[in-house]
Amino acid sequence: MTALSTGLLAGLAFGLLAVVVMLPMSFPDRRGALTAAFLNRFGIGLMIGCVQVVAPGWLVGLGIGLLLSAPSAIITKAYPPILGMGALGGLIIGGVIHGWR
């Protein structure tokens, strides 16, 4: 599997998970919130799959997950859930794709 296809698959899975977690919540602009969450998490998975860095995979994933989640967390002021899910998802995706060492 190529880096691009691995990243696309990881991003799709992480994006769908984010949407499923958010479905019970209510938002003034529900469609916008769900779309933004999907795209943010999709981007995290895609970037982790495509990046080539000489560092432990889990650490790369954690860094990318936090970095790409930070703008949404700042705008919404919902730091723990947004940063937590980005960090955890990035850590897992990075570890699975690039290794745990």
PDB file of N, CA and C in Angstrom:
ATOM      1  N   MET A   1       0.848  -1.170   0.000  1.00  0.00           N
ATOM      2  CA  MET A   1       0.000   0.000   0.000  1.00  0.00           C
ATOM      3  C   MET A   1       0.902   1.245   0.000  1.00  0.00           C
ATOM      4  N   THR A   2       0.579   2.204  -0.846  1.00  0.00           N
ATOM      5  CA  THR A   2       1.386   3.421  -0.930  1.00  0.00           C
ATOM      6  C   THR A   2       1.122   4.324   0.272  1.00  0.00           C
ATOM      7  N   ALA A   3       2.016   5.271   0.458  1.00  0.00           N
ATOM      8  CA  ALA A   3       1.845   6.224   1.560  1.00  0.00           C
ATOM      9  C   ALA A   3       0.564   7.031   1.383  1.00  0.00           C
ATOM     10  N   LEU A   4       0.271   7.402   0.154  1.00  0.00           N
ATOM     11  CA  LEU A   4      -0.939   8.177  -0.115  1.00  0.00           C
ATOM     12  C   LEU A   4      -2.197   7.376   0.201  1.00  0.00           C
ATOM     13  N   SER A   5      -2.253   6.140  -0.241  1.00  0.00           N
ATOM     14  CA  SER A   5      -3.451   5.332   0.026  1.00  0.00           C
ATOM     15  C   SER A   5      -3.590   4.999   1.509  1.00  0.00           C
ATOM     16  N   THR A   6      -2.488   4.786   2.198  1.00  0.00           N
ATOM     17  CA  THR A   6      -2.539   4.552   3.640  1.00  0.00           C
ATOM     18  C   THR A   6      -3.043   5.789   4.366  1.00  0.00           C
ATOM     19  N   GLY A   7      -2.540   6.950   3.976  1.00  0.00           N
ATOM     20  CA  GLY A   7      -2.987   8.199   4.572  1.00  0.00           C
ATOM     21  C   GLY A   7      -4.450   8.478   4.284  1.00  0.00           C
ATOM     22  N   LEU A   8      -4.892   8.221   3.062  1.00  0.00           N
ATOM     23  CA  LEU A   8      -6.303   8.413   2.719  1.00  0.00           C
ATOM     24  C   LEU A   8      -7.202   7.505   3.544  1.00  0.00           C
ATOM     25  N   LEU A   9      -6.814   6.255   3.689  1.00  0.00           N
ATOM     26  CA  LEU A   9      -7.606   5.306   4.472  1.00  0.00           C
ATOM     27  C   LEU A   9      -7.644   5.696   5.945  1.00  0.00           C
ATOM     28  N   ALA A  10      -6.496   6.058   6.496  1.00  0.00           N
ATOM     29  CA  ALA A  10      -6.434   6.481   7.899  1.00  0.00           C
ATOM     30  C   ALA A  10      -7.248   7.750   8.118  1.00  0.00           C
ATOM     31  N   GLY A  11      -7.149   8.698   7.207  1.00  0.00           N
ATOM     32  CA  GLY A  11      -7.903   9.938   7.317  1.00  0.00           C
ATOM     33  C   GLY A  11      -9.402   9.711   7.221  1.00  0.00           C
ATOM     34  N   LEU A  12      -9.809   8.852   6.316  1.00  0.00           N
ATOM     35  CA  LEU A  12     -11.229   8.529   6.171  1.00  0.00           C
ATOM     36  C   LEU A  12     -11.773   7.885   7.447  1.00  0.00           C
ATOM     37  N   ALA A  13     -11.038   6.928   7.991  1.00  0.00           N
ATOM     38  CA  ALA A  13     -11.476   6.264   9.221  1.00  0.00           C
ATOM     39  C   ALA A  13     -11.543   7.234  10.398  1.00  0.00           C
ATOM     40  N   PHE A  14     -10.523   8.065  10.560  1.00  0.00           N
ATOM     41  CA  PHE A  14     -10.487   9.016  11.674  1.00  0.00           C
ATOM     42  C   PHE A  14     -11.564  10.087  11.502  1.00  0.00           C
ATOM     43  N   GLY A  15     -11.772  10.540  10.273  1.00  0.00           N
ATOM     44  CA  GLY A  15     -12.815  11.521  10.007  1.00  0.00           C
ATOM     45  C   GLY A  15     -14.205  10.984  10.305  1.00  0.00           C
ATOM     46  N   LEU A  16     -14.466   9.763   9.886  1.00  0.00           N
ATOM     47  CA  LEU A  16     -15.772   9.155  10.163  1.00  0.00           C
ATOM     48  C   LEU A  16     -15.976   8.941  11.654  1.00  0.00           C
ATOM     49  N   LEU A  17     -14.928   8.546  12.359  1.00  0.00           N
ATOM     50  CA  LEU A  17     -15.030   8.377  13.809  1.00  0.00           C
ATOM     51  C   LEU A  17     -15.385   9.704  14.484  1.00  0.00           C
ATOM     52  N   ALA A  18     -14.761  10.779  14.050  1.00  0.00           N
ATOM     53  CA  ALA A  18     -15.050  12.099  14.626  1.00  0.00           C
ATOM     54  C   ALA A  18     -16.506  12.482  14.402  1.00  0.00           C
ATOM     55  N   VAL A  19     -17.025  12.218  13.205  1.00  0.00           N
ATOM     56  CA  VAL A  19     -18.422  12.545  12.910  1.00  0.00           C
ATOM     57  C   VAL A  19     -19.360  11.706  13.764  1.00  0.00           C
ATOM     58  N   VAL A  20     -19.085  10.420  13.900  1.00  0.00           N
ATOM     59  CA  VAL A  20     -19.935   9.538  14.707  1.00  0.00           C
ATOM     60  C   VAL A  20     -19.965  10.002  16.162  1.00  0.00           C
ATOM     61  N   VAL A  21     -18.822  10.400  16.691  1.00  0.00           N
ATOM     62  CA  VAL A  21     -18.754  10.880  18.073  1.00  0.00           C
ATOM     63  C   VAL A  21     -19.570  12.161  18.238  1.00  0.00           C
ATOM     64  N   MET A  22     -19.600  13.006  17.221  1.00  0.00           N
ATOM     65  CA  MET A  22     -20.285  14.294  17.313  1.00  0.00           C
ATOM     66  C   MET A  22     -21.776  14.240  16.968  1.00  0.00           C
ATOM     67  N   LEU A  23     -22.255  13.150  16.397  1.00  0.00           N
ATOM     68  CA  LEU A  23     -23.658  13.076  15.978  1.00  0.00           C
ATOM     69  C   LEU A  23     -24.671  13.378  17.084  1.00  0.00           C
ATOM     70  N   PRO A  24     -24.477  12.906  18.323  1.00  0.00           N
ATOM     71  CA  PRO A  24     -25.476  13.208  19.354  1.00  0.00           C
ATOM     72  C   PRO A  24     -25.478  14.664  19.826  1.00  0.00           C
ATOM     73  N   MET A  25     -24.462  15.433  19.493  1.00  0.00           N
ATOM     74  CA  MET A  25     -24.354  16.811  19.960  1.00  0.00           C
ATOM     75  C   MET A  25     -25.186  17.739  19.082  1.00  0.00           C
ATOM     76  N   SER A  26     -25.546  18.898  19.650  1.00  0.00           N
ATOM     77  CA  SER A  26     -26.274  19.886  18.857  1.00  0.00           C
ATOM     78  C   SER A  26     -25.377  21.102  18.616  1.00  0.00           C
ATOM     79  N   PHE A  27     -25.488  21.674  17.435  1.00  0.00           N
ATOM     80  CA  PHE A  27     -24.695  22.823  17.027  1.00  0.00           C
ATOM     81  C   PHE A  27     -25.595  23.794  16.277  1.00  0.00           C
ATOM     82  N   PRO A  28     -25.294  25.085  16.334  1.00  0.00           N
ATOM     83  CA  PRO A  28     -26.082  26.041  15.548  1.00  0.00           C
ATOM     84  C   PRO A  28     -26.017  25.724  14.046  1.00  0.00           C
ATOM     85  N   ASP A  29     -24.853  25.336  13.577  1.00  0.00           N
ATOM     86  CA  ASP A  29     -24.669  24.937  12.176  1.00  0.00           C
ATOM     87  C   ASP A  29     -24.155  23.503  12.170  1.00  0.00           C
ATOM     88  N   ARG A  30     -25.067  22.561  12.286  1.00  0.00           N
ATOM     89  CA  ARG A  30     -24.722  21.139  12.417  1.00  0.00           C
ATOM     90  C   ARG A  30     -23.896  20.639  11.228  1.00  0.00           C
ATOM     91  N   ARG A  31     -24.352  20.919  10.035  1.00  0.00           N
ATOM     92  CA  ARG A  31     -23.644  20.441   8.841  1.00  0.00           C
ATOM     93  C   ARG A  31     -22.230  21.013   8.788  1.00  0.00           C
ATOM     94  N   GLY A  32     -22.083  22.296   9.082  1.00  0.00           N
ATOM     95  CA  GLY A  32     -20.763  22.924   9.077  1.00  0.00           C
ATOM     96  C   GLY A  32     -19.837  22.326  10.118  1.00  0.00           C
ATOM     97  N   ALA A  33     -20.360  22.082  11.320  1.00  0.00           N
ATOM     98  CA  ALA A  33     -19.539  21.517  12.394  1.00  0.00           C
ATOM     99  C   ALA A  33     -19.078  20.102  12.054  1.00  0.00           C
ATOM    100  N   LEU A  34     -19.981  19.290  11.534  1.00  0.00           N
ATOM    101  CA  LEU A  34     -19.622  17.904  11.191  1.00  0.00           C
ATOM    102  C   LEU A  34     -18.646  17.867  10.017  1.00  0.00           C
ATOM    103  N   THR A  35     -18.865  18.732   9.040  1.00  0.00           N
ATOM    104  CA  THR A  35     -17.955  18.787   7.892  1.00  0.00           C
ATOM    105  C   THR A  35     -16.565  19.242   8.317  1.00  0.00           C
ATOM    106  N   ALA A  36     -16.506  20.271   9.149  1.00  0.00           N
ATOM    107  CA  ALA A  36     -15.212  20.768   9.627  1.00  0.00           C
ATOM    108  C   ALA A  36     -14.481  19.703  10.442  1.00  0.00           C
ATOM    109  N   ALA A  37     -15.198  19.004  11.310  1.00  0.00           N
ATOM    110  CA  ALA A  37     -14.572  17.953  12.113  1.00  0.00           C
ATOM    111  C   ALA A  37     -14.048  16.834  11.223  1.00  0.00           C
ATOM    112  N   PHE A  38     -14.847  16.433  10.235  1.00  0.00           N
ATOM    113  CA  PHE A  38     -14.403  15.379   9.326  1.00  0.00           C
ATOM    114  C   PHE A  38     -13.146  15.807   8.582  1.00  0.00           C
ATOM    115  N   LEU A  39     -13.154  17.000   8.016  1.00  0.00           N
ATOM    116  CA  LEU A  39     -12.007  17.464   7.236  1.00  0.00           C
ATOM    117  C   LEU A  39     -10.749  17.613   8.088  1.00  0.00           C
ATOM    118  N   ASN A  40     -10.914  18.085   9.322  1.00  0.00           N
ATOM    119  CA  ASN A  40      -9.769  18.221  10.211  1.00  0.00           C
ATOM    120  C   ASN A  40      -9.145  16.865  10.503  1.00  0.00           C
ATOM    121  N   ARG A  41      -9.952  15.902  10.878  1.00  0.00           N
ATOM    122  CA  ARG A  41      -9.443  14.566  11.218  1.00  0.00           C
ATOM    123  C   ARG A  41      -8.943  13.832   9.983  1.00  0.00           C
ATOM    124  N   PHE A  42      -9.599  14.053   8.842  1.00  0.00           N
ATOM    125  CA  PHE A  42      -9.133  13.469   7.589  1.00  0.00           C
ATOM    126  C   PHE A  42      -7.734  13.996   7.268  1.00  0.00           C
ATOM    127  N   GLY A  43      -7.535  15.295   7.442  1.00  0.00           N
ATOM    128  CA  GLY A  43      -6.231  15.900   7.192  1.00  0.00           C
ATOM    129  C   GLY A  43      -5.143  15.345   8.088  1.00  0.00           C
ATOM    130  N   ILE A  44      -5.500  15.078   9.340  1.00  0.00           N
ATOM    131  CA  ILE A  44      -4.520  14.497  10.270  1.00  0.00           C
ATOM    132  C   ILE A  44      -4.065  13.135   9.760  1.00  0.00           C
ATOM    133  N   GLY A  45      -5.009  12.278   9.423  1.00  0.00           N
ATOM    134  CA  GLY A  45      -4.655  10.944   8.926  1.00  0.00           C
ATOM    135  C   GLY A  45      -3.861  10.997   7.635  1.00  0.00           C
ATOM    136  N   LEU A  46      -4.279  11.868   6.721  1.00  0.00           N
ATOM    137  CA  LEU A  46      -3.584  11.994   5.439  1.00  0.00           C
ATOM    138  C   LEU A  46      -2.153  12.475   5.636  1.00  0.00           C
ATOM    139  N   MET A  47      -1.965  13.498   6.455  1.00  0.00           N
ATOM    140  CA  MET A  47      -0.622  14.026   6.685  1.00  0.00           C
ATOM    141  C   MET A  47       0.297  12.997   7.337  1.00  0.00           C
ATOM    142  N   ILE A  48      -0.223  12.280   8.315  1.00  0.00           N
ATOM    143  CA  ILE A  48       0.604  11.276   8.991  1.00  0.00           C
ATOM    144  C   ILE A  48       1.002  10.183   8.012  1.00  0.00           C
ATOM    145  N   GLY A  49       0.075   9.790   7.149  1.00  0.00           N
ATOM    146  CA  GLY A  49       0.386   8.748   6.178  1.00  0.00           C
ATOM    147  C   GLY A  49       1.425   9.167   5.160  1.00  0.00           C
ATOM    148  N   CYS A  50       1.453  10.423   4.812  1.00  0.00           N
ATOM    149  CA  CYS A  50       2.333  10.907   3.742  1.00  0.00           C
ATOM    150  C   CYS A  50       3.667  11.458   4.217  1.00  0.00           C
ATOM    151  N   VAL A  51       3.781  11.807   5.493  1.00  0.00           N
ATOM    152  CA  VAL A  51       5.001  12.448   5.982  1.00  0.00           C
ATOM    153  C   VAL A  51       6.132  11.413   6.127  1.00  0.00           C
ATOM    154  N   GLN A  52       7.349  11.868   5.859  1.00  0.00           N
ATOM    155  CA  GLN A  52       8.537  11.037   6.043  1.00  0.00           C
ATOM    156  C   GLN A  52       9.484  11.786   6.974  1.00  0.00           C
ATOM    157  N   VAL A  53       9.463  11.422   8.256  1.00  0.00           N
ATOM    158  CA  VAL A  53      10.282  12.087   9.254  1.00  0.00           C
ATOM    159  C   VAL A  53      11.089  11.034  10.004  1.00  0.00           C
ATOM    160  N   VAL A  54      12.317  11.365  10.330  1.00  0.00           N
ATOM    161  CA  VAL A  54      13.162  10.441  11.082  1.00  0.00           C
ATOM    162  C   VAL A  54      12.886  10.653  12.566  1.00  0.00           C
ATOM    163  N   ALA A  55      11.840  10.029  13.046  1.00  0.00           N
ATOM    164  CA  ALA A  55      11.426  10.094  14.449  1.00  0.00           C
ATOM    165  C   ALA A  55      10.470   8.934  14.674  1.00  0.00           C
ATOM    166  N   PRO A  56      10.219   8.573  15.925  1.00  0.00           N
ATOM    167  CA  PRO A  56       9.245   7.507  16.172  1.00  0.00           C
ATOM    168  C   PRO A  56       7.881   7.881  15.585  1.00  0.00           C
ATOM    169  N   GLY A  57       7.231   6.914  14.956  1.00  0.00           N
ATOM    170  CA  GLY A  57       5.959   7.158  14.298  1.00  0.00           C
ATOM    171  C   GLY A  57       4.897   7.715  15.225  1.00  0.00           C
ATOM    172  N   TRP A  58       4.839   7.200  16.444  1.00  0.00           N
ATOM    173  CA  TRP A  58       3.828   7.665  17.388  1.00  0.00           C
ATOM    174  C   TRP A  58       4.054   9.133  17.740  1.00  0.00           C
ATOM    175  N   LEU A  59       5.324   9.547  17.811  1.00  0.00           N
ATOM    176  CA  LEU A  59       5.642  10.931  18.150  1.00  0.00           C
ATOM    177  C   LEU A  59       5.285  11.880  16.993  1.00  0.00           C
ATOM    178  N   VAL A  60       5.559  11.447  15.773  1.00  0.00           N
ATOM    179  CA  VAL A  60       5.184  12.224  14.594  1.00  0.00           C
ATOM    180  C   VAL A  60       3.667  12.383  14.553  1.00  0.00           C
ATOM    181  N   GLY A  61       2.947  11.292  14.775  1.00  0.00           N
ATOM    182  CA  GLY A  61       1.490  11.338  14.771  1.00  0.00           C
ATOM    183  C   GLY A  61       0.937  12.241  15.856  1.00  0.00           C
ATOM    184  N   LEU A  62       1.501  12.152  17.036  1.00  0.00           N
ATOM    185  CA  LEU A  62       1.078  12.998  18.149  1.00  0.00           C
ATOM    186  C   LEU A  62       1.280  14.468  17.813  1.00  0.00           C
ATOM    187  N   GLY A  63       2.437  14.801  17.275  1.00  0.00           N
ATOM    188  CA  GLY A  63       2.735  16.188  16.919  1.00  0.00           C
ATOM    189  C   GLY A  63       1.803  16.725  15.845  1.00  0.00           C
ATOM    190  N   ILE A  64       1.568  15.940  14.803  1.00  0.00           N
ATOM    191  CA  ILE A  64       0.681  16.369  13.724  1.00  0.00           C
ATOM    192  C   ILE A  64      -0.756  16.482  14.235  1.00  0.00           C
ATOM    193  N   GLY A  65      -1.177  15.522  15.046  1.00  0.00           N
ATOM    194  CA  GLY A  65      -2.531  15.565  15.597  1.00  0.00           C
ATOM    195  C   GLY A  65      -2.770  16.809  16.440  1.00  0.00           C
ATOM    196  N   LEU A  66      -1.810  17.155  17.279  1.00  0.00           N
ATOM    197  CA  LEU A  66      -1.940  18.352  18.109  1.00  0.00           C
ATOM    198  C   LEU A  66      -1.874  19.629  17.273  1.00  0.00           C
ATOM    199  N   LEU A  67      -0.937  19.674  16.346  1.00  0.00           N
ATOM    200  CA  LEU A  67      -0.756  20.873  15.528  1.00  0.00           C
ATOM    201  C   LEU A  67      -1.995  21.180  14.687  1.00  0.00           C
ATOM    202  N   LEU A  68      -2.561  20.168  14.055  1.00  0.00           N
ATOM    203  CA  LEU A  68      -3.714  20.405  13.195  1.00  0.00           C
ATOM    204  C   LEU A  68      -5.019  20.565  13.980  1.00  0.00           C
ATOM    205  N   SER A  69      -5.054  20.140  15.218  1.00  0.00           N
ATOM    206  CA  SER A  69      -6.242  20.306  16.051  1.00  0.00           C
ATOM    207  C   SER A  69      -6.260  21.647  16.772  1.00  0.00           C
ATOM    208  N   ALA A  70      -5.111  22.260  16.938  1.00  0.00           N
ATOM    209  CA  ALA A  70      -5.010  23.496  17.718  1.00  0.00           C
ATOM    210  C   ALA A  70      -5.898  24.633  17.204  1.00  0.00           C
ATOM    211  N   PRO A  71      -5.958  24.910  15.898  1.00  0.00           N
ATOM    212  CA  PRO A  71      -6.820  26.019  15.461  1.00  0.00           C
ATOM    213  C   PRO A  71      -8.294  25.826  15.835  1.00  0.00           C
ATOM    214  N   SER A  72      -8.819  24.626  15.657  1.00  0.00           N
ATOM    215  CA  SER A  72     -10.213  24.363  16.024  1.00  0.00           C
ATOM    216  C   SER A  72     -10.422  24.520  17.523  1.00  0.00           C
ATOM    217  N   ALA A  73      -9.463  24.060  18.301  1.00  0.00           N
ATOM    218  CA  ALA A  73      -9.575  24.177  19.755  1.00  0.00           C
ATOM    219  C   ALA A  73      -9.555  25.633  20.192  1.00  0.00           C
ATOM    220  N   ILE A  74      -8.725  26.425  19.566  1.00  0.00           N
ATOM    221  CA  ILE A  74      -8.646  27.848  19.910  1.00  0.00           C
ATOM    222  C   ILE A  74      -9.937  28.568  19.537  1.00  0.00           C
ATOM    223  N   ILE A  75     -10.463  28.303  18.357  1.00  0.00           N
ATOM    224  CA  ILE A  75     -11.681  28.975  17.905  1.00  0.00           C
ATOM    225  C   ILE A  75     -12.875  28.607  18.777  1.00  0.00           C
ATOM    226  N   THR A  76     -13.027  27.330  19.096  1.00  0.00           N
ATOM    227  CA  THR A  76     -14.201  26.878  19.861  1.00  0.00           C
ATOM    228  C   THR A  76     -14.002  26.977  21.364  1.00  0.00           C
ATOM    229  N   LYS A  77     -12.771  27.129  21.812  1.00  0.00           N
ATOM    230  CA  LYS A  77     -12.420  27.126  23.235  1.00  0.00           C
ATOM    231  C   LYS A  77     -12.789  25.806  23.920  1.00  0.00           C
ATOM    232  N   ALA A  78     -12.883  24.742  23.134  1.00  0.00           N
ATOM    233  CA  ALA A  78     -13.142  23.398  23.650  1.00  0.00           C
ATOM    234  C   ALA A  78     -11.826  22.621  23.565  1.00  0.00           C
ATOM    235  N   TYR A  79     -10.861  23.037  24.370  1.00  0.00           N
ATOM    236  CA  TYR A  79      -9.510  22.487  24.287  1.00  0.00           C
ATOM    237  C   TYR A  79      -9.414  20.993  24.588  1.00  0.00           C
ATOM    238  N   PRO A  80      -9.908  20.513  25.742  1.00  0.00           N
ATOM    239  CA  PRO A  80      -9.676  19.092  26.064  1.00  0.00           C
ATOM    240  C   PRO A  80     -10.249  18.102  25.040  1.00  0.00           C
ATOM    241  N   PRO A  81     -11.505  18.233  24.607  1.00  0.00           N
ATOM    242  CA  PRO A  81     -11.992  17.214  23.678  1.00  0.00           C
ATOM    243  C   PRO A  81     -11.340  17.280  22.305  1.00  0.00           C
ATOM    244  N   ILE A  82     -11.098  18.467  21.807  1.00  0.00           N
ATOM    245  CA  ILE A  82     -10.534  18.587  20.465  1.00  0.00           C
ATOM    246  C   ILE A  82      -9.062  18.198  20.453  1.00  0.00           C
ATOM    247  N   LEU A  83      -8.281  18.746  21.390  1.00  0.00           N
ATOM    248  CA  LEU A  83      -6.864  18.401  21.443  1.00  0.00           C
ATOM    249  C   LEU A  83      -6.663  16.946  21.868  1.00  0.00           C
ATOM    250  N   GLY A  84      -7.505  16.481  22.777  1.00  0.00           N
ATOM    251  CA  GLY A  84      -7.389  15.095  23.233  1.00  0.00           C
ATOM    252  C   GLY A  84      -7.641  14.091  22.130  1.00  0.00           C
ATOM    253  N   MET A  85      -8.707  14.309  21.369  1.00  0.00           N
ATOM    254  CA  MET A  85      -9.012  13.377  20.281  1.00  0.00           C
ATOM    255  C   MET A  85      -7.963  13.478  19.169  1.00  0.00           C
ATOM    256  N   GLY A  86      -7.512  14.695  18.867  1.00  0.00           N
ATOM    257  CA  GLY A  86      -6.462  14.856  17.857  1.00  0.00           C
ATOM    258  C   GLY A  86      -5.166  14.182  18.269  1.00  0.00           C
ATOM    259  N   ALA A  87      -4.789  14.353  19.535  1.00  0.00           N
ATOM    260  CA  ALA A  87      -3.555  13.751  20.042  1.00  0.00           C
ATOM    261  C   ALA A  87      -3.652  12.227  20.052  1.00  0.00           C
ATOM    262  N   LEU A  88      -4.760  11.705  20.566  1.00  0.00           N
ATOM    263  CA  LEU A  88      -4.924  10.253  20.645  1.00  0.00           C
ATOM    264  C   LEU A  88      -4.999   9.623  19.261  1.00  0.00           C
ATOM    265  N   GLY A  89      -5.798  10.222  18.389  1.00  0.00           N
ATOM    266  CA  GLY A  89      -5.905   9.690  17.029  1.00  0.00           C
ATOM    267  C   GLY A  89      -4.589   9.763  16.290  1.00  0.00           C
ATOM    268  N   GLY A  90      -3.897  10.900  16.408  1.00  0.00           N
ATOM    269  CA  GLY A  90      -2.607  11.040  15.755  1.00  0.00           C
ATOM    270  C   GLY A  90      -1.581  10.050  16.281  1.00  0.00           C
ATOM    271  N   LEU A  91      -1.571   9.870  17.585  1.00  0.00           N
ATOM    272  CA  LEU A  91      -0.647   8.917  18.207  1.00  0.00           C
ATOM    273  C   LEU A  91      -0.896   7.505  17.686  1.00  0.00           C
ATOM    274  N   ILE A  92      -2.154   7.096  17.634  1.00  0.00           N
ATOM    275  CA  ILE A  92      -2.486   5.743  17.168  1.00  0.00           C
ATOM    276  C   ILE A  92      -2.175   5.573  15.685  1.00  0.00           C
ATOM    277  N   ILE A  93      -2.603   6.541  14.867  1.00  0.00           N
ATOM    278  CA  ILE A  93      -2.350   6.446  13.429  1.00  0.00           C
ATOM    279  C   ILE A  93      -0.846   6.447  13.150  1.00  0.00           C
ATOM    280  N   GLY A  94      -0.104   7.326  13.805  1.00  0.00           N
ATOM    281  CA  GLY A  94       1.348   7.370  13.612  1.00  0.00           C
ATOM    282  C   GLY A  94       2.024   6.078  14.029  1.00  0.00           C
ATOM    283  N   GLY A  95       1.592   5.515  15.155  1.00  0.00           N
ATOM    284  CA  GLY A  95       2.173   4.262  15.621  1.00  0.00           C
ATOM    285  C   GLY A  95       1.876   3.101  14.686  1.00  0.00           C
ATOM    286  N   VAL A  96       0.639   3.051  14.194  1.00  0.00           N
ATOM    287  CA  VAL A  96       0.248   1.954  13.303  1.00  0.00           C
ATOM    288  C   VAL A  96       0.955   2.078  11.942  1.00  0.00           C
ATOM    289  N   ILE A  97       0.992   3.281  11.389  1.00  0.00           N
ATOM    290  CA  ILE A  97       1.578   3.449  10.054  1.00  0.00           C
ATOM    291  C   ILE A  97       3.105   3.438  10.089  1.00  0.00           C
ATOM    292  N   HIS A  98       3.710   4.153  11.013  1.00  0.00           N
ATOM    293  CA  HIS A  98       5.164   4.340  11.013  1.00  0.00           C
ATOM    294  C   HIS A  98       5.911   3.577  12.095  1.00  0.00           C
ATOM    295  N   GLY A  99       5.208   2.969  13.010  1.00  0.00           N
ATOM    296  CA  GLY A  99       5.874   2.162  14.032  1.00  0.00           C
ATOM    297  C   GLY A  99       5.886   2.823  15.406  1.00  0.00           C
ATOM    298  N   TRP A 100       6.089   2.014  16.412  1.00  0.00           N
ATOM    299  CA  TRP A 100       6.028   2.451  17.806  1.00  0.00           C
ATOM    300  C   TRP A 100       7.405   2.719  18.394  1.00  0.00           C
ATOM    301  N   ARG A 101       8.461   2.448  17.692  1.00  0.00           N
ATOM    302  CA  ARG A 101       9.812   2.632  18.227  1.00  0.00           C
ATOM    303  C   ARG A 101      10.395   3.978  17.954  1.00  0.00           C
TER     304      ARG A 101
END
